Amino acid sequence: MLTSFFWSGDAIRSRRVSDIVLSGTLDLPAPPASMLADWQRETTKRLALEPGDVEPMHLARTQFRWPDYKRCVQAMSDWTGALGLPAVLDDSDMALMACRGARYHHDGEQYGGAAFCNLFLSEDKGLDLHFPAIGQRIALTRGTAVIFDTVQPHGVIQRDSDRFCAADFPPDHDFTQIFLTWELPIEDADTGNALNVVFDSDRSNALQLEEAQVWLNGSRTAVCPESGCWVRV
């Protein structure tokens, strides 16, 4: 039993962790060469991305330099609406992110009260978004859209691999993926229903905790960054 203890207002609340991943491939315009060059400069010089890093980009700069950016957001809004999540993006925080692969991790201690909604803008570079605990992997290409529980372990790895290895991302190859991400409140009725989240699954322990945590079978747990397996804290 996997339980997320997350902040709900000024109190800790408990919930089951969803094993549902919603995904699709949207028809997005290709970023122009000038935008690709701008992203490359930012990821290599300002961010200096190392294998496994996931870092925020300058969203406002992309919005200003890429007129078709709005078409990407509209496509995502249309997709989430078709899933029964009308206007869910309107009130959600959005960011532009970059990763060069991603070590396995969960985001439950910081974002346990949210689901991630990601839209990938880069071309297919032979990488998959992998959810090892549920055995699901999604090829990352331009237009890949996903919604998933932030606590579900995930990583970005080579398509022919089953674990994260920094050596799979040599410096002379471009493995950078650029994506938009939204934080969807997990307590929103539509979001919770779409992911079939069960709330207040462990009220007694939630009342005793003073920080967000993730428990597996009654013990605090973490994720091995290479294998994605749960390990006891």
Protein backbone atom coordinates (compact mmCIF):
# COMPACT_ATOMS: atom_id res chain seq x y z
CA MET A 1 0.00 0.00 0.00
CA LEU A 2 1.52 3.30 -1.15
CA THR A 3 0.35 6.38 0.77
CA SER A 4 1.06 10.05 0.19
CA PHE A 5 0.84 12.36 3.20
CA PHE A 6 0.50 15.85 1.74
CA TRP A 7 -0.31 19.37 2.83
CA SER A 8 -3.97 20.29 2.41
CA GLY A 9 -4.29 23.87 3.58
CA ASP A 10 -2.63 23.94 6.99
CA ALA A 11 -3.08 20.23 7.74
CA ILE A 12 -1.55 16.95 6.56
CA ARG A 13 -3.97 14.74 4.64
CA SER A 14 -3.46 11.17 3.36
CA ARG A 15 -4.29 9.55 0.06
CA ARG A 16 -3.56 6.48 -2.01
CA VAL A 17 -1.11 6.94 -4.88
CA SER A 18 -2.66 6.51 -8.31
CA ASP A 19 -1.24 3.99 -10.78
CA ILE A 20 -3.10 5.61 -13.70
CA VAL A 21 -1.10 7.43 -16.38
CA LEU A 22 -3.10 9.31 -19.01
CA SER A 23 -1.23 9.87 -22.27
CA GLY A 24 -1.69 10.94 -25.86
CA THR A 25 0.12 12.45 -28.84
CA LEU A 26 -1.00 15.93 -29.90
CA ASP A 27 -0.48 17.68 -33.22
CA LEU A 28 1.93 20.50 -32.36
CA PRO A 29 3.77 22.99 -34.58
CA ALA A 30 7.52 22.46 -34.80
CA PRO A 31 9.56 25.11 -32.99
CA PRO A 32 11.49 27.32 -35.45
CA ALA A 33 15.25 26.96 -35.79
CA SER A 34 15.80 30.20 -33.87
CA MET A 35 13.82 28.85 -30.91
CA LEU A 36 15.73 25.57 -30.94
CA ALA A 37 19.02 27.48 -30.97
CA ASP A 38 17.83 29.63 -28.08
CA TRP A 39 16.88 26.55 -26.03
CA GLN A 40 20.24 24.94 -26.77
CA ARG A 41 22.14 28.00 -25.58
CA GLU A 42 20.12 28.12 -22.37
CA THR A 43 20.47 24.42 -21.56
CA THR A 44 24.19 24.22 -22.33
CA LYS A 45 25.43 27.58 -21.02
CA ARG A 46 23.05 28.83 -18.33
CA LEU A 47 21.77 25.51 -17.00
CA ALA A 48 24.79 23.35 -17.96
CA LEU A 49 22.54 20.29 -17.84
CA GLU A 50 24.22 17.09 -16.67
CA PRO A 51 22.73 13.61 -17.27
CA GLY A 52 19.65 13.19 -15.10
CA ASP A 53 19.09 16.91 -14.47
CA VAL A 54 15.61 18.45 -14.67
CA GLU A 55 15.65 22.25 -14.52
CA PRO A 56 13.30 25.21 -15.21
CA MET A 57 13.72 27.36 -18.31
CA HIS A 58 12.80 30.99 -19.05
CA LEU A 59 9.12 30.64 -19.99
CA ALA A 60 8.55 34.33 -20.78
CA ARG A 61 11.37 34.32 -23.34
CA THR A 62 9.82 31.37 -25.17
CA GLN A 63 6.37 32.97 -25.09
CA PHE A 64 7.79 36.13 -26.67
CA ARG A 65 9.99 34.48 -29.32
CA TRP A 66 7.67 31.66 -30.45
CA PRO A 67 4.28 32.89 -31.72
CA ASP A 68 2.98 29.30 -32.11
CA TYR A 69 3.50 28.66 -28.41
CA LYS A 70 -0.18 29.52 -27.87
CA ARG A 71 -1.20 26.74 -30.26
CA CYS A 72 0.61 24.23 -28.04
CA VAL A 73 -1.22 25.43 -24.94
CA GLN A 74 -4.55 25.34 -26.78
CA ALA A 75 -3.90 21.79 -27.99
CA MET A 76 -3.21 20.73 -24.41
CA SER A 77 -6.36 22.48 -23.21
CA ASP A 78 -8.41 20.68 -25.86
CA TRP A 79 -6.91 17.32 -24.85
CA THR A 80 -7.52 17.74 -21.14
CA GLY A 81 -11.05 18.92 -21.89
CA ALA A 82 -11.71 15.75 -23.88
CA LEU A 83 -10.55 13.74 -20.85
CA GLY A 84 -13.22 15.36 -18.68
CA LEU A 85 -10.92 18.01 -17.21
CA PRO A 86 -12.47 21.24 -18.53
CA ALA A 87 -10.51 24.41 -17.81
CA VAL A 88 -8.19 22.49 -15.46
CA LEU A 89 -5.15 24.28 -16.89
CA ASP A 90 -6.58 27.76 -16.35
CA ASP A 91 -5.98 27.81 -12.60
CA SER A 92 -2.82 25.67 -12.56
CA ASP A 93 0.78 26.83 -12.27
CA MET A 94 2.72 26.35 -15.52
CA ALA A 95 6.46 26.18 -16.18
CA LEU A 96 8.84 25.45 -19.05
CA MET A 97 11.31 22.70 -18.17
CA ALA A 98 14.34 20.97 -19.66
CA CYS A 99 15.79 17.56 -18.87
CA ARG A 100 18.72 15.51 -20.11
CA GLY A 101 17.23 12.23 -19.14
CA ALA A 102 15.93 12.09 -15.59
CA ARG A 103 17.00 9.99 -12.63
CA TYR A 104 14.16 7.99 -11.11
CA HIS A 105 12.38 9.95 -8.42
CA HIS A 106 9.03 10.84 -6.96
CA ASP A 107 7.85 14.36 -6.17
CA GLY A 108 5.57 13.51 -3.27
CA GLU A 109 7.40 15.44 -0.58
CA GLN A 110 7.12 18.71 -2.53
CA TYR A 111 4.13 18.15 -4.83
CA GLY A 112 2.10 15.46 -3.05
CA GLY A 113 -0.99 17.61 -3.44
CA ALA A 114 -0.73 17.73 -7.24
CA ALA A 115 -0.73 15.73 -10.44
CA PHE A 116 1.73 16.60 -13.21
CA CYS A 117 0.44 17.46 -16.68
CA ASN A 118 3.33 17.56 -19.17
CA LEU A 119 3.53 18.43 -22.86
CA PHE A 120 6.80 17.59 -24.64
CA LEU A 121 7.97 19.99 -27.35
CA SER A 122 11.15 18.29 -28.59
CA GLU A 123 11.53 15.71 -31.35
CA ASP A 124 11.97 11.98 -30.68
CA LYS A 125 15.52 11.43 -29.39
CA GLY A 126 15.15 7.77 -28.44
CA LEU A 127 14.03 8.42 -24.85
CA ASP A 128 11.10 7.09 -22.84
CA LEU A 129 9.25 8.36 -19.80
CA HIS A 130 9.34 5.24 -17.61
CA PHE A 131 7.14 4.35 -14.63
CA PRO A 132 8.93 1.27 -13.23
CA ALA A 133 6.49 0.47 -10.41
CA ILE A 134 3.59 0.01 -12.84
CA GLY A 135 5.60 -1.19 -15.86
CA GLN A 136 4.55 1.61 -18.19
CA ARG A 137 6.78 3.55 -20.56
CA ILE A 138 5.88 6.30 -23.01
CA ALA A 139 7.99 7.33 -26.00
CA LEU A 140 8.88 11.03 -25.84
CA THR A 141 8.33 12.89 -29.07
CA ARG A 142 6.94 16.25 -30.10
CA GLY A 143 3.35 16.33 -28.88
CA THR A 144 3.59 13.65 -26.19
CA ALA A 145 1.11 14.60 -23.45
CA VAL A 146 0.88 12.90 -20.05
CA ILE A 147 -0.95 13.31 -16.75
CA PHE A 148 0.23 11.30 -13.75
CA ASP A 149 0.40 11.23 -9.97
CA THR A 150 3.46 13.16 -8.76
CA VAL A 151 4.22 10.40 -6.23
CA GLN A 152 4.40 7.64 -8.84
CA PRO A 153 8.16 6.91 -9.43
CA HIS A 154 9.28 8.06 -12.86
CA GLY A 155 12.40 8.75 -14.88
CA VAL A 156 13.53 9.46 -18.44
CA ILE A 157 15.79 6.74 -19.86
CA GLN A 158 17.05 5.33 -23.13
CA ARG A 159 14.41 3.38 -25.05
CA ASP A 160 16.45 0.17 -25.04
CA SER A 161 17.25 0.38 -21.33
CA ASP A 162 15.43 -0.54 -18.13
CA ARG A 163 17.36 1.72 -15.74
CA PHE A 164 18.93 5.17 -15.56
CA CYS A 165 22.65 5.32 -16.35
CA ALA A 166 24.52 8.61 -16.76
CA ALA A 167 26.84 7.01 -19.33
CA ASP A 168 23.84 6.65 -21.66
CA PHE A 169 23.86 10.44 -22.12
CA PRO A 170 27.32 11.33 -23.54
CA PRO A 171 28.13 15.03 -23.98
CA ASP A 172 28.51 14.77 -27.76
CA HIS A 173 24.84 13.80 -28.27
CA ASP A 174 21.74 15.97 -27.86
CA PHE A 175 19.39 14.19 -25.48
CA THR A 176 17.70 17.30 -24.12
CA GLN A 177 13.91 17.31 -23.91
CA ILE A 178 11.97 20.57 -23.51
CA PHE A 179 8.47 20.38 -22.05
CA LEU A 180 5.67 22.44 -20.56
CA THR A 181 4.35 21.31 -17.20
CA TRP A 182 1.29 22.19 -15.15
CA GLU A 183 0.57 21.34 -11.50
CA LEU A 184 -3.02 20.11 -11.25
CA PRO A 185 -4.48 20.20 -7.72
CA ILE A 186 -5.06 16.56 -6.80
CA GLU A 187 -8.01 17.55 -4.61
CA ASP A 188 -9.81 19.02 -7.62
CA ALA A 189 -12.79 16.71 -8.13
CA ASP A 190 -12.17 16.21 -11.86
CA THR A 191 -8.46 15.51 -11.44
CA GLY A 192 -8.97 13.15 -8.51
CA ASN A 193 -11.67 11.25 -10.40
CA ALA A 194 -9.58 10.98 -13.58
CA LEU A 195 -6.74 9.37 -11.60
CA ASN A 196 -9.09 7.42 -9.30
CA VAL A 197 -7.46 8.83 -6.16
CA VAL A 198 -8.71 7.58 -2.78
CA PHE A 199 -8.42 10.26 -0.10
CA ASP A 200 -8.04 9.98 3.68
CA SER A 201 -6.73 6.43 3.45
CA ASP A 202 -4.71 6.79 6.69
CA ARG A 203 -6.29 9.47 8.85
CA SER A 204 -4.68 8.39 12.12
CA ASN A 205 -1.08 8.71 10.92
CA ALA A 206 -1.83 11.90 9.00
CA LEU A 207 -2.84 13.58 12.27
CA GLN A 208 0.57 12.80 13.81
CA LEU A 209 2.83 14.01 10.98
CA GLU A 210 4.33 17.48 10.63
CA GLU A 211 5.75 17.18 7.09
CA ALA A 212 4.82 15.68 3.73
CA GLN A 213 5.97 12.08 3.36
CA VAL A 214 5.49 8.94 1.25
CA TRP A 215 4.95 5.57 2.95
CA LEU A 216 5.02 2.05 1.55
CA ASN A 217 3.30 -0.59 3.69
CA GLY A 218 3.50 1.58 6.80
CA SER A 219 7.11 2.79 6.50
CA ARG A 220 8.59 5.94 4.99
CA THR A 221 10.10 5.22 1.58
CA ALA A 222 12.25 6.72 -1.18
CA VAL A 223 13.20 5.83 -4.76
CA CYS A 224 16.51 4.42 -5.99
CA PRO A 225 17.66 6.91 -8.67
CA GLU A 226 19.16 4.20 -10.90
CA SER A 227 16.60 1.38 -10.74
CA GLY A 228 13.43 3.20 -9.73
CA CYS A 229 12.77 0.66 -6.98
CA TRP A 230 11.33 1.69 -3.63
CA VAL A 231 13.81 1.70 -0.77
CA ARG A 232 13.08 2.16 2.94
CA VAL A 233 14.21 5.43 4.48
